């Protein structure tokens, strides 16, 4: 968003790189200058799920063993990006808490020690951590967005090692890792030894034989006797090394990773990126034992001051089953997929901006809900109008098409593929009335269907209001939403503002309304409090949810409370 004239004006005051080696005196200053952060979180649903109501029955062992609330604690001792020490403790709704089933109190604990730029040690972490290398083809962890209307986000700027500070109980490494070297050349070595949840599935086959495979459970829930029995039933061992060269315009890296879980998985990977003027070229390839191969190639370019383009090609063979990869893909995991992605951003006159992408992909082998080769496409486009800083209007349209098995209830062979399609239209207006008062209005419509059934439709409209009180001492976030869908295929998703350290995307289906109000108050200079109430109302319904999560009500309410203290 910065124009060329401004860039040239600030260049004399900006430097990148340089000598970041830290002396012993500087290390002492880092330790002395660090600060403490304590966060306490509590969530209380106001309705009681079925899993808490059946304890007098004979099936008590299948019900929730804990209380109907969620809580966690975070502590961190840090100094900017140079130092971080801390721990997390988390208990989910229904999990036992300081009783015979969980005498240790919280269900999940996490801790880390992270330091940066101390002598030849560029990064060092002990405990729980994230690791992102190259484009994530060989190894990558942490939350990433594969496709966005902002097309220049397709390139992964690998962060290397990062301390793990989340409450998610899967998708991180536990052990130790270090990046050692200089600004131009460095080596990363890492190891992880972690218990994971899972169970062995036995399936009958012909000739009186059986197939066994290990099913990894990623939910992190340990609420019932069965879920507790599957907790930490296997061990995941990961170790590897990565060497990289970082020059002014060129980055190159090569690595090896070994994972032992239900079987041994070995992957060799190499990545390369080169910047030349307004062009950036990048790519990564990987080879896995058993014949798996993966390749990703991409480029981003500023062809004009008002035109940016992006291109990505990927080819992940069906034998490439690297569970540690989070590379760019249409599916949730980069395997059994070939595809080409093209995107562009064009700035027009008078505050208009045009964005869009087209992604074409196919799967050469069968996959979930698809008993044969399949292909699909994903188109998205947006027109934005922003005449000034106080007002922005956007119209966005997206259409996703995939092939899937036809339902066997129609009397046809399950392997017969039909096309499923989902389109979404969004209109959104953002208006900043003042520094304290901001409005956002959105209308969204979804149409979903296939070749054999009538299309399902869903509509959503909401109004957001954000207000900051005088001197920033307190603030309020409010949303009121109406939705109407005639089938689960047209369900709608919406991101919501939530208390800090919480990520909230709600799924809306059926006919109803939803609202939330969140207040924050600065108790004093080093302490702040957040309080959030949410309510989803479904008129005419008597039961919401299913199984142990079912509640006998036409509404679902929740209260969240978070206290943050710095000292």
Protein backbone atom coordinates (compact mmCIF):
# COMPACT_ATOMS: atom_id res chain seq x y z
CA UNK A 1 0.00 0.00 0.00
CA UNK A 2 3.02 2.34 0.10
CA UNK A 3 3.72 4.25 -3.13
CA UNK A 4 7.16 4.48 -4.75
CA UNK A 5 7.74 8.09 -3.70
CA UNK A 6 7.18 7.26 -0.03
CA UNK A 7 9.39 4.17 -0.27
CA UNK A 8 12.28 6.21 -1.67
CA UNK A 9 11.80 8.78 1.07
CA UNK A 10 12.11 6.29 3.93
CA UNK A 11 14.81 4.04 2.45
CA UNK A 12 17.71 6.05 3.98
CA UNK A 13 16.33 5.32 7.44
CA UNK A 14 15.89 1.56 7.00
CA UNK A 15 18.48 -1.22 7.27
CA UNK A 16 17.99 -4.97 6.91
CA UNK A 17 20.41 -7.53 8.33
CA UNK A 18 23.63 -6.44 9.98
CA UNK A 19 25.42 -7.80 13.02
CA UNK A 20 22.91 -9.28 15.45
CA UNK A 21 25.43 -11.10 17.63
CA UNK A 22 24.68 -10.55 21.30
CA UNK A 23 27.35 -10.25 23.97
CA UNK A 24 27.08 -11.59 27.51
CA UNK A 25 26.34 -8.08 28.74
CA UNK A 26 23.54 -7.76 26.20
CA UNK A 27 22.12 -11.13 27.29
CA UNK A 28 22.02 -9.87 30.86
CA UNK A 29 20.17 -6.77 29.66
CA UNK A 30 17.66 -8.95 27.81
CA UNK A 31 16.98 -10.98 30.95
CA UNK A 32 16.71 -7.91 33.16
CA UNK A 33 14.47 -6.06 30.70
CA UNK A 34 11.96 -8.88 30.26
CA UNK A 35 8.41 -8.66 31.56
CA UNK A 36 5.82 -11.11 32.87
CA UNK A 37 2.41 -11.78 31.34
CA UNK A 38 -0.29 -13.85 33.05
CA UNK A 39 -3.56 -14.70 31.29
CA UNK A 40 -6.48 -16.52 32.95
CA UNK A 41 -9.42 -17.67 30.78
CA UNK A 42 -12.82 -19.08 31.76
CA UNK A 43 -15.74 -20.16 29.53
CA UNK A 44 -19.16 -21.22 30.80
CA UNK A 45 -21.95 -22.57 28.55
CA UNK A 46 -25.37 -21.72 29.98
CA UNK A 47 -27.06 -24.90 28.69
CA UNK A 48 -26.13 -28.39 29.87
CA UNK A 49 -25.29 -30.98 27.16
CA UNK A 50 -26.65 -34.53 27.33
CA UNK A 51 -23.23 -35.87 28.26
CA UNK A 52 -23.61 -34.39 31.76
CA UNK A 53 -27.19 -35.63 32.34
CA UNK A 54 -26.98 -39.44 32.04
CA UNK A 55 -24.73 -40.28 34.95
CA UNK A 56 -27.41 -42.29 36.72
CA UNK A 57 -27.70 -44.63 33.73
CA UNK A 58 -25.74 -47.82 33.11
CA UNK A 59 -23.87 -46.08 30.29
CA UNK A 60 -22.17 -43.68 32.69
CA UNK A 61 -18.75 -44.66 31.33
CA UNK A 62 -19.72 -43.18 27.96
CA UNK A 63 -20.62 -39.78 29.42
CA UNK A 64 -18.53 -36.76 30.32
CA UNK A 65 -16.41 -37.25 33.43
CA UNK A 66 -15.77 -33.58 34.19
CA UNK A 67 -17.60 -30.32 34.69
CA UNK A 68 -19.38 -28.14 32.12
CA UNK A 69 -16.77 -25.38 31.79
CA UNK A 70 -13.49 -24.62 30.02
CA UNK A 71 -10.50 -22.89 31.57
CA UNK A 72 -6.83 -22.30 30.85
CA UNK A 73 -3.83 -20.38 32.16
CA UNK A 74 -0.96 -18.82 30.22
CA UNK A 75 2.25 -17.43 31.66
CA UNK A 76 5.03 -15.83 29.65
CA UNK A 77 8.33 -14.15 30.53
CA UNK A 78 9.57 -12.32 27.45
CA UNK A 79 11.58 -9.48 25.99
CA UNK A 80 10.44 -8.70 22.45
CA UNK A 81 11.52 -11.40 19.99
CA UNK A 82 14.81 -12.16 21.78
CA UNK A 83 13.53 -14.17 24.73
CA UNK A 84 10.41 -16.13 25.61
CA UNK A 85 9.78 -18.49 28.50
CA UNK A 86 6.39 -19.74 29.54
CA UNK A 87 3.85 -22.46 30.09
CA UNK A 88 0.20 -23.18 29.25
CA UNK A 89 -2.40 -25.32 31.03
CA UNK A 90 -5.79 -26.15 29.51
CA UNK A 91 -9.00 -27.98 30.46
CA UNK A 92 -11.77 -28.42 27.87
CA UNK A 93 -15.51 -28.63 28.54
CA UNK A 94 -16.36 -32.05 30.00
CA UNK A 95 -12.80 -33.01 30.89
CA UNK A 96 -12.11 -34.12 34.49
CA UNK A 97 -10.35 -31.55 36.65
CA UNK A 98 -8.52 -32.39 39.89
CA UNK A 99 -10.39 -35.61 40.55
CA UNK A 100 -9.72 -39.34 40.40
CA UNK A 101 -9.82 -39.35 36.60
CA UNK A 102 -7.38 -36.43 36.33
CA UNK A 103 -5.38 -35.95 39.54
CA UNK A 104 -2.88 -33.65 37.76
CA UNK A 105 -5.55 -30.99 37.32
CA UNK A 106 -5.45 -29.68 33.77
CA UNK A 107 -5.69 -32.10 30.86
CA UNK A 108 -2.98 -30.42 28.73
CA UNK A 109 0.28 -28.77 29.72
CA UNK A 110 2.81 -27.04 27.50
CA UNK A 111 6.07 -25.17 28.22
CA UNK A 112 8.93 -23.59 26.27
CA UNK A 113 12.22 -21.69 26.51
CA UNK A 114 13.20 -19.68 23.42
CA UNK A 115 16.21 -17.40 22.85
CA UNK A 116 17.41 -15.65 19.71
CA UNK A 117 20.64 -14.11 18.37
CA UNK A 118 23.10 -15.11 21.08
CA UNK A 119 26.53 -15.51 19.52
CA UNK A 120 26.33 -18.10 16.76
CA UNK A 121 22.99 -19.31 18.08
CA UNK A 122 20.41 -17.63 15.87
CA UNK A 123 17.48 -19.49 17.45
CA UNK A 124 17.23 -22.00 20.27
CA UNK A 125 14.10 -23.59 21.72
CA UNK A 126 13.60 -26.19 24.42
CA UNK A 127 10.14 -27.60 25.06
CA UNK A 128 7.23 -27.12 22.65
CA UNK A 129 7.82 -25.33 19.37
CA UNK A 130 6.75 -24.70 15.77
CA UNK A 131 9.05 -25.32 12.82
CA UNK A 132 8.50 -23.84 9.36
CA UNK A 133 11.06 -24.39 6.59
CA UNK A 134 10.93 -23.45 2.92
CA UNK A 135 7.42 -23.57 1.50
CA UNK A 136 6.23 -26.20 3.99
CA UNK A 137 6.51 -29.11 1.52
CA UNK A 138 9.09 -31.01 3.57
CA UNK A 139 8.06 -29.82 7.02
CA UNK A 140 5.89 -27.04 8.37
CA UNK A 141 3.67 -26.48 11.39
CA UNK A 142 1.38 -23.75 12.59
CA UNK A 143 -1.72 -22.09 11.14
CA UNK A 144 -1.50 -21.10 7.46
CA UNK A 145 -3.99 -19.82 4.89
CA UNK A 146 -3.76 -21.67 1.59
CA UNK A 147 -5.92 -19.44 -0.59
CA UNK A 148 -6.93 -15.87 0.02
CA UNK A 149 -8.35 -13.05 -2.05
CA UNK A 150 -5.06 -11.27 -1.24
CA UNK A 151 -3.11 -13.25 -3.82
CA UNK A 152 0.38 -12.20 -2.70
CA UNK A 153 -0.02 -14.32 0.45
CA UNK A 154 0.70 -17.54 -1.44
CA UNK A 155 4.44 -17.31 -0.74
CA UNK A 156 5.48 -18.69 2.66
CA UNK A 157 8.09 -16.61 4.44
CA UNK A 158 9.42 -19.42 6.60
CA UNK A 159 9.92 -18.30 10.19
CA UNK A 160 12.19 -21.18 11.19
CA UNK A 161 11.76 -21.91 14.89
CA UNK A 162 9.03 -20.33 17.00
CA UNK A 163 7.96 -21.07 20.57
CA UNK A 164 4.62 -22.85 20.81
CA UNK A 165 2.14 -20.87 22.90
CA UNK A 166 -1.23 -22.24 21.75
CA UNK A 167 -3.77 -24.52 23.43
CA UNK A 168 -4.14 -26.83 20.44
CA UNK A 169 -3.02 -30.29 21.54
CA UNK A 170 -1.86 -31.43 18.09
CA UNK A 171 0.33 -30.03 15.34
CA UNK A 172 3.46 -28.95 17.25
CA UNK A 173 6.82 -30.42 18.21
CA UNK A 174 8.05 -31.28 21.71
CA UNK A 175 11.77 -31.55 22.38
CA UNK A 176 14.60 -29.22 21.38
CA UNK A 177 15.81 -27.43 18.26
CA UNK A 178 18.54 -24.94 17.36
CA UNK A 179 19.54 -22.78 14.40
CA UNK A 180 23.28 -22.14 14.43
CA UNK A 181 25.33 -20.03 12.04
CA UNK A 182 25.66 -16.57 10.57
CA UNK A 183 23.39 -14.29 8.56
CA UNK A 184 24.52 -15.96 5.31
CA UNK A 185 24.81 -19.62 6.34
CA UNK A 186 23.04 -21.55 9.07
CA UNK A 187 22.10 -25.07 10.09
CA UNK A 188 18.97 -26.11 11.94
CA UNK A 189 18.83 -29.35 13.90
CA UNK A 190 15.69 -30.51 15.67
CA UNK A 191 14.21 -33.40 17.58
CA UNK A 192 10.77 -34.14 18.98
CA UNK A 193 9.45 -36.89 21.24
CA UNK A 194 5.73 -36.61 21.89
CA UNK A 195 2.84 -38.81 22.98
CA UNK A 196 -0.22 -38.71 20.71
CA UNK A 197 -3.77 -40.07 20.82
CA UNK A 198 -4.90 -42.84 18.51
CA UNK A 199 -6.16 -46.36 18.08
CA UNK A 200 -5.52 -49.33 15.84
CA UNK A 201 -8.30 -49.99 13.32
CA UNK A 202 -8.75 -53.57 12.07
CA UNK A 203 -10.70 -54.11 8.83
CA UNK A 204 -11.71 -57.48 7.39
CA UNK A 205 -10.58 -58.31 3.86
CA UNK A 206 -10.91 -61.30 1.56
CA UNK A 207 -9.22 -64.66 2.18
CA UNK A 208 -9.73 -64.30 5.96
CA UNK A 209 -7.00 -61.65 6.22
CA UNK A 210 -7.12 -58.37 8.09
CA UNK A 211 -5.66 -54.93 7.52
CA UNK A 212 -4.42 -52.87 10.43
CA UNK A 213 -3.73 -49.17 10.41
CA UNK A 214 -3.23 -46.57 13.11
CA UNK A 215 -5.78 -43.77 13.39
CA UNK A 216 -4.40 -40.52 14.84
CA UNK A 217 -6.92 -38.49 16.86
CA UNK A 218 -6.32 -34.74 16.69
CA UNK A 219 -9.29 -33.36 18.65
CA UNK A 220 -7.47 -33.12 21.98
CA UNK A 221 -10.64 -34.06 23.87
CA UNK A 222 -10.42 -36.43 26.87
CA UNK A 223 -13.92 -36.15 28.29
CA UNK A 224 -15.16 -39.76 28.44
CA UNK A 225 -13.68 -43.03 29.63
CA UNK A 226 -13.09 -44.07 26.02
CA UNK A 227 -11.34 -40.82 25.10
CA UNK A 228 -9.14 -41.11 28.19
CA UNK A 229 -8.28 -44.71 27.24
CA UNK A 230 -6.99 -43.50 23.85
CA UNK A 231 -4.92 -40.66 25.33
CA UNK A 232 -1.15 -40.88 24.72
CA UNK A 233 -1.39 -44.41 23.35
CA UNK A 234 1.44 -43.95 20.87
CA UNK A 235 4.69 -42.03 20.51
CA UNK A 236 5.65 -39.71 17.67
CA UNK A 237 9.40 -39.31 17.15
CA UNK A 238 10.67 -36.66 14.77
CA UNK A 239 14.23 -35.58 14.08
CA UNK A 240 16.02 -33.89 11.22
CA UNK A 241 18.39 -31.22 9.96
CA UNK A 242 18.22 -28.32 7.54
CA UNK A 243 21.02 -26.22 6.01
CA UNK A 244 20.35 -22.89 4.32
CA UNK A 245 22.23 -20.16 2.48
CA UNK A 246 20.79 -16.63 2.63
CA UNK A 247 22.28 -14.10 0.23
CA UNK A 248 20.97 -10.70 -0.80
CA UNK A 249 18.71 -12.04 -3.56
CA UNK A 250 19.03 -15.81 -3.20
CA UNK A 251 17.86 -18.28 -0.59
CA UNK A 252 18.61 -22.01 -0.84
CA UNK A 253 18.00 -24.78 1.64
CA UNK A 254 18.23 -28.56 1.86
CA UNK A 255 16.96 -30.80 4.63
CA UNK A 256 16.08 -34.26 5.87
CA UNK A 257 13.32 -35.28 8.28
CA UNK A 258 12.61 -38.65 9.89
CA UNK A 259 9.30 -39.43 11.59
CA UNK A 260 8.41 -42.60 13.49
CA UNK A 261 4.79 -43.21 14.43
CA UNK A 262 2.87 -46.21 13.17
CA UNK A 263 5.57 -46.53 10.50
CA UNK A 264 8.85 -44.81 9.64
CA UNK A 265 8.59 -41.88 7.27
CA UNK A 266 11.73 -40.35 5.76
CA UNK A 267 11.64 -37.21 3.61
CA UNK A 268 14.43 -35.32 1.84
CA UNK A 269 13.52 -31.80 0.74
CA UNK A 270 15.12 -28.78 -0.92
CA UNK A 271 13.84 -25.26 -1.52
CA UNK A 272 15.00 -22.23 -3.48
CA UNK A 273 13.86 -18.63 -3.86
CA UNK A 274 15.31 -15.79 -5.93
CA UNK A 275 14.34 -12.13 -6.02
CA UNK A 276 15.15 -10.04 -9.09
CA UNK A 277 13.73 -6.55 -9.21
CA UNK A 278 9.95 -6.79 -9.01
CA UNK A 279 9.97 -10.58 -9.46
CA UNK A 280 10.17 -13.36 -6.89
CA UNK A 281 10.64 -16.99 -7.91
CA UNK A 282 10.32 -19.80 -5.37
CA UNK A 283 9.93 -23.55 -5.19
CA UNK A 284 10.44 -26.69 -3.15
CA UNK A 285 10.69 -30.38 -3.92
CA UNK A 286 10.61 -33.46 -1.70
CA UNK A 287 11.17 -37.22 -1.94
CA UNK A 288 9.65 -39.68 0.52
CA UNK A 289 10.57 -43.28 1.18
CA UNK A 290 8.23 -45.59 -0.69
CA UNK A 291 8.33 -43.47 -3.86
CA UNK A 292 6.38 -40.38 -2.80
CA UNK A 293 7.27 -37.15 -4.61
CA UNK A 294 6.17 -33.54 -4.19
CA UNK A 295 6.94 -30.40 -6.17
CA UNK A 296 5.82 -26.80 -5.76
CA UNK A 297 6.87 -23.94 -8.06
CA UNK A 298 5.67 -20.35 -7.89
CA UNK A 299 6.30 -16.75 -8.78
CA UNK A 300 5.03 -13.34 -7.73
CA UNK A 301 5.60 -10.20 -9.78
CA UNK A 302 4.74 -6.53 -9.84
CA UNK A 303 4.26 -5.99 -13.56
CA UNK A 304 3.20 -2.39 -12.97
CA UNK A 305 2.82 -0.07 -10.00
CA UNK A 306 -0.89 -0.96 -10.11
CA UNK A 307 -0.70 -4.66 -11.11
CA UNK A 308 0.53 -7.63 -9.06
CA UNK A 309 0.28 -11.24 -10.24
CA UNK A 310 0.95 -14.64 -8.68
CA UNK A 311 1.31 -18.18 -10.02
CA UNK A 312 1.70 -21.55 -8.26
CA UNK A 313 2.07 -25.04 -9.69
CA UNK A 314 2.04 -28.07 -7.42
CA UNK A 315 2.26 -31.82 -7.96
CA UNK A 316 1.85 -34.12 -4.96
CA UNK A 317 1.79 -37.81 -5.87
CA UNK A 318 -0.54 -40.28 -4.15
CA UNK A 319 2.45 -41.93 -2.45
CA UNK A 320 3.49 -38.63 -0.87
CA UNK A 321 1.81 -38.95 2.53
CA UNK A 322 3.94 -36.58 4.58
CA UNK A 323 1.84 -35.74 7.66
CA UNK A 324 4.35 -33.03 8.67
CA UNK A 325 3.74 -30.96 5.54
CA UNK A 326 1.46 -27.93 5.37
CA UNK A 327 2.29 -26.83 1.82
CA UNK A 328 -0.08 -24.92 -0.46
CA UNK A 329 -2.94 -27.17 -1.63
CA UNK A 330 -6.67 -27.23 -2.22
CA UNK A 331 -7.19 -30.19 0.11
CA UNK A 332 -6.41 -30.14 3.81
CA UNK A 333 -3.24 -32.19 3.23
CA UNK A 334 -0.81 -31.99 0.29
CA UNK A 335 -1.19 -35.44 -1.24
CA UNK A 336 -2.78 -36.93 -4.37
CA UNK A 337 -3.17 -33.50 -6.01
CA UNK A 338 -1.99 -31.64 -9.10
CA UNK A 339 -2.95 -28.04 -9.59
CA UNK A 340 -2.33 -24.62 -11.09
CA UNK A 341 -3.18 -21.39 -9.26
CA UNK A 342 -3.22 -17.94 -10.88
CA UNK A 343 -4.11 -14.69 -9.15
CA UNK A 344 -3.91 -10.96 -9.72
CA UNK A 345 -4.50 -7.62 -7.98
CA UNK A 346 -5.23 -4.55 -10.09
CA UNK A 347 -5.50 -1.02 -8.69
CA UNK A 348 -7.90 1.14 -10.69
CA UNK A 349 -8.63 4.84 -10.59
CA UNK A 350 -10.80 6.70 -8.08
CA UNK A 351 -10.26 4.19 -5.23
CA UNK A 352 -11.31 1.01 -7.05
CA UNK A 353 -9.36 -2.24 -6.74
CA UNK A 354 -9.92 -5.59 -8.48
CA UNK A 355 -8.68 -8.87 -6.97
CA UNK A 356 -9.12 -12.48 -8.02
CA UNK A 357 -7.73 -15.93 -8.55
CA UNK A 358 -8.43 -19.14 -10.44
CA UNK A 359 -7.28 -22.53 -9.16
CA UNK A 360 -7.56 -25.74 -11.20
CA UNK A 361 -6.80 -29.06 -9.47
CA UNK A 362 -7.23 -32.80 -9.91
CA UNK A 363 -6.64 -35.99 -7.94
CA UNK A 364 -5.30 -38.90 -10.04
CA UNK A 365 -6.28 -41.53 -7.43
CA UNK A 366 -9.36 -42.18 -5.26
CA UNK A 367 -9.75 -40.20 -2.04
CA UNK A 368 -12.38 -39.52 0.63
CA UNK A 369 -15.90 -39.67 -0.92
CA UNK A 370 -14.36 -40.19 -4.37
CA UNK A 371 -13.85 -43.73 -5.68
CA UNK A 372 -11.90 -42.68 -8.76
CA UNK A 373 -9.86 -39.89 -10.36
CA UNK A 374 -11.50 -36.48 -9.94
CA UNK A 375 -10.95 -32.83 -10.75
CA UNK A 376 -12.30 -29.44 -9.75
CA UNK A 377 -11.81 -25.70 -9.80
CA UNK A 378 -12.01 -22.72 -7.48
CA UNK A 379 -12.70 -19.19 -8.75
CA UNK A 380 -12.83 -16.06 -6.60
CA UNK A 381 -13.02 -12.37 -7.39
CA UNK A 382 -13.59 -9.13 -5.53
CA UNK A 383 -14.20 -5.52 -6.42
CA UNK A 384 -13.26 -3.02 -3.71
CA UNK A 385 -14.06 0.67 -3.54
CA UNK A 386 -12.20 2.78 -0.99
CA UNK A 387 -12.32 6.53 -1.73
CA UNK A 388 -10.73 7.36 1.64
CA UNK A 389 -9.65 5.92 4.96
CA UNK A 390 -13.11 6.10 6.51
CA UNK A 391 -15.14 4.06 4.03
CA UNK A 392 -14.65 0.77 2.16
CA UNK A 393 -17.14 -1.19 0.06
CA UNK A 394 -16.47 -4.70 -1.25
CA UNK A 395 -18.33 -7.19 -3.44
CA UNK A 396 -16.85 -10.71 -3.45
CA UNK A 397 -17.89 -13.85 -5.35
CA UNK A 398 -16.48 -17.37 -5.10
CA UNK A 399 -17.43 -20.64 -6.75
CA UNK A 400 -15.92 -24.05 -5.85
CA UNK A 401 -16.62 -27.19 -7.87
CA UNK A 402 -15.57 -30.76 -6.99
CA UNK A 403 -16.49 -34.31 -7.98
CA UNK A 404 -17.79 -36.83 -5.43
CA UNK A 405 -19.51 -40.21 -5.30
CA UNK A 406 -23.19 -40.28 -6.10
CA UNK A 407 -25.36 -41.42 -3.22
CA UNK A 408 -26.03 -45.17 -3.25
CA UNK A 409 -29.66 -44.49 -2.24
CA UNK A 410 -30.33 -43.42 -5.82
CA UNK A 411 -29.75 -46.99 -7.00
CA UNK A 412 -26.57 -46.28 -8.94
CA UNK A 413 -23.05 -47.57 -8.39
CA UNK A 414 -21.32 -45.72 -5.57
CA UNK A 415 -18.26 -45.20 -7.78
CA UNK A 416 -20.21 -43.01 -10.22
CA UNK A 417 -18.97 -39.43 -9.83
CA UNK A 418 -21.18 -36.38 -9.91
CA UNK A 419 -20.25 -32.70 -9.70
CA UNK A 420 -20.83 -30.75 -6.50
CA UNK A 421 -20.76 -26.97 -6.58
CA UNK A 422 -20.87 -24.24 -3.98
CA UNK A 423 -21.02 -20.51 -4.73
CA UNK A 424 -20.86 -17.57 -2.32
CA UNK A 425 -21.71 -13.91 -2.88
CA UNK A 426 -20.68 -11.34 -0.29
CA UNK A 427 -21.39 -7.62 0.01
CA UNK A 428 -19.63 -5.75 2.81
CA UNK A 429 -19.34 -2.13 3.88
CA UNK A 430 -16.90 -0.77 6.49
CA UNK A 431 -17.42 2.74 7.81
CA UNK A 432 -15.21 4.57 10.31
CA UNK A 433 -17.32 7.33 11.83
CA UNK A 434 -14.54 8.43 14.18
CA UNK A 435 -11.48 7.02 15.92
CA UNK A 436 -13.82 5.59 18.56
CA UNK A 437 -16.76 4.33 16.45
CA UNK A 438 -16.55 1.80 13.57
CA UNK A 439 -19.38 0.04 11.69
CA UNK A 440 -19.34 -3.06 9.48
CA UNK A 441 -22.31 -4.48 7.55
CA UNK A 442 -22.28 -7.75 5.60
CA UNK A 443 -24.72 -9.66 3.44
CA UNK A 444 -23.76 -13.15 2.25
CA UNK A 445 -25.57 -15.74 0.15
CA UNK A 446 -24.52 -19.34 -0.48
CA UNK A 447 -25.93 -21.79 -3.04
CA UNK A 448 -24.83 -25.43 -2.89
CA UNK A 449 -25.95 -28.49 -4.82
CA UNK A 450 -25.07 -31.24 -7.27
CA UNK A 451 -26.41 -32.83 -10.45
CA UNK A 452 -29.04 -34.97 -8.70
CA UNK A 453 -30.67 -32.80 -6.02
CA UNK A 454 -32.10 -29.31 -5.89
CA UNK A 455 -29.76 -26.54 -4.82
CA UNK A 456 -29.70 -25.57 -1.15
CA UNK A 457 -29.58 -21.87 -0.26
CA UNK A 458 -28.33 -19.93 2.69
CA UNK A 459 -28.49 -16.23 3.54
CA UNK A 460 -26.77 -14.22 6.23
CA UNK A 461 -26.78 -10.57 7.24
CA UNK A 462 -25.03 -9.00 10.21
CA UNK A 463 -24.18 -5.64 11.69
CA UNK A 464 -20.98 -5.02 13.68
CA UNK A 465 -20.40 -2.02 15.95
CA UNK A 466 -17.06 -1.29 17.61
CA UNK A 467 -16.68 1.52 20.13
CA UNK A 468 -13.66 2.64 22.15
CA UNK A 469 -14.38 4.70 25.24
CA UNK A 470 -12.55 7.90 26.21
CA UNK A 471 -8.78 7.52 26.61
CA UNK A 472 -9.06 3.86 25.53
CA UNK A 473 -10.00 2.79 29.06
CA UNK A 474 -12.84 0.57 27.86
CA UNK A 475 -14.41 -0.69 24.65
CA UNK A 476 -17.37 -2.62 23.25
CA UNK A 477 -17.79 -5.00 20.29
CA UNK A 478 -21.33 -5.92 19.24
CA UNK A 479 -22.80 -8.06 16.45
CA UNK A 480 -26.35 -8.99 15.52
CA UNK A 481 -26.77 -11.63 12.82
CA UNK A 482 -29.76 -13.20 11.01
CA UNK A 483 -29.36 -16.39 8.97
CA UNK A 484 -31.56 -18.76 6.98
CA UNK A 485 -30.47 -22.00 5.29
CA UNK A 486 -32.56 -24.89 3.96
CA UNK A 487 -29.86 -27.56 4.24
CA UNK A 488 -26.48 -28.33 5.75
CA UNK A 489 -24.82 -28.02 2.33
CA UNK A 490 -25.57 -24.29 2.37
CA UNK A 491 -24.24 -23.73 5.90
CA UNK A 492 -22.49 -20.44 6.47
CA UNK A 493 -19.27 -19.59 8.27
CA UNK A 494 -18.47 -16.33 9.98
CA UNK A 495 -15.41 -15.00 11.78
CA UNK A 496 -16.16 -13.28 15.10
CA UNK A 497 -14.20 -10.96 17.35
CA UNK A 498 -13.38 -12.79 20.54
CA UNK A 499 -11.38 -12.37 23.71
CA UNK A 500 -7.58 -12.28 23.17
CA UNK A 501 -5.78 -15.56 22.39
CA UNK A 502 -9.04 -17.07 21.11
CA UNK A 503 -9.88 -17.79 17.46
CA UNK A 504 -13.60 -17.94 16.71
CA UNK A 505 -15.29 -19.06 13.47
CA UNK A 506 -18.94 -20.09 13.91
CA UNK A 507 -20.94 -22.39 11.64
CA UNK A 508 -24.54 -21.27 11.03
CA UNK A 509 -27.21 -23.62 9.70
CA UNK A 510 -31.00 -23.62 9.86
CA UNK A 511 -33.12 -20.57 10.65
CA UNK A 512 -32.24 -18.27 13.48
CA UNK A 513 -30.31 -15.36 14.87
CA UNK A 514 -27.05 -14.87 16.68
CA UNK A 515 -25.59 -11.98 18.59
CA UNK A 516 -22.67 -11.34 20.87
CA UNK A 517 -21.44 -8.46 22.94
CA UNK A 518 -17.89 -8.18 24.23
CA UNK A 519 -16.61 -5.58 26.66
CA UNK A 520 -13.04 -4.84 27.64
CA UNK A 521 -11.93 -2.71 30.56
CA UNK A 522 -8.45 -1.56 31.53
CA UNK A 523 -8.43 -2.06 35.29
CA UNK A 524 -5.11 -0.28 35.60
CA UNK A 525 -2.06 0.31 33.45
CA UNK A 526 -0.91 -3.32 33.63
CA UNK A 527 -4.20 -5.20 33.92
CA UNK A 528 -7.20 -5.61 31.59
CA UNK A 529 -10.43 -7.61 31.66
CA UNK A 530 -12.59 -8.96 28.80
CA UNK A 531 -16.16 -10.24 29.14
CA UNK A 532 -18.11 -11.79 26.22
CA UNK A 533 -21.68 -13.09 25.98
CA UNK A 534 -22.98 -14.92 22.87
CA UNK A 535 -26.44 -16.25 22.01
CA UNK A 536 -27.54 -18.42 19.07
CA UNK A 537 -31.34 -18.67 18.81
CA UNK A 538 -33.22 -21.24 16.67
CA UNK A 539 -36.98 -20.60 16.93
CA UNK A 540 -39.10 -23.74 16.85
CA UNK A 541 -36.23 -26.13 17.64
CA UNK A 542 -36.36 -28.32 20.73
CA UNK A 543 -32.97 -30.06 20.52
CA UNK A 544 -29.70 -28.56 19.28
CA UNK A 545 -26.70 -30.72 18.45
CA UNK A 546 -26.49 -34.49 18.67
CA UNK A 547 -25.06 -37.24 20.82
CA UNK A 548 -23.43 -36.20 24.07
CA UNK A 549 -23.33 -32.55 22.89
CA UNK A 550 -27.11 -32.33 22.38
CA UNK A 551 -28.96 -29.75 24.51
CA UNK A 552 -32.71 -29.59 25.20
CA UNK A 553 -33.20 -25.97 24.19
CA UNK A 554 -33.87 -23.63 21.28
CA UNK A 555 -30.83 -21.48 22.06
CA UNK A 556 -27.16 -21.89 22.81
CA UNK A 557 -25.54 -19.37 25.16
CA UNK A 558 -22.01 -18.92 26.43
CA UNK A 559 -20.06 -16.54 28.66
CA UNK A 560 -16.30 -15.98 28.37
CA UNK A 561 -14.06 -14.15 30.80
CA UNK A 562 -10.37 -13.32 30.35
CA UNK A 563 -8.00 -11.49 32.69
CA UNK A 564 -4.57 -10.32 31.49
CA UNK A 565 -1.91 -8.98 33.85
CA UNK A 566 1.51 -7.59 32.90
CA UNK A 567 4.12 -7.10 35.61
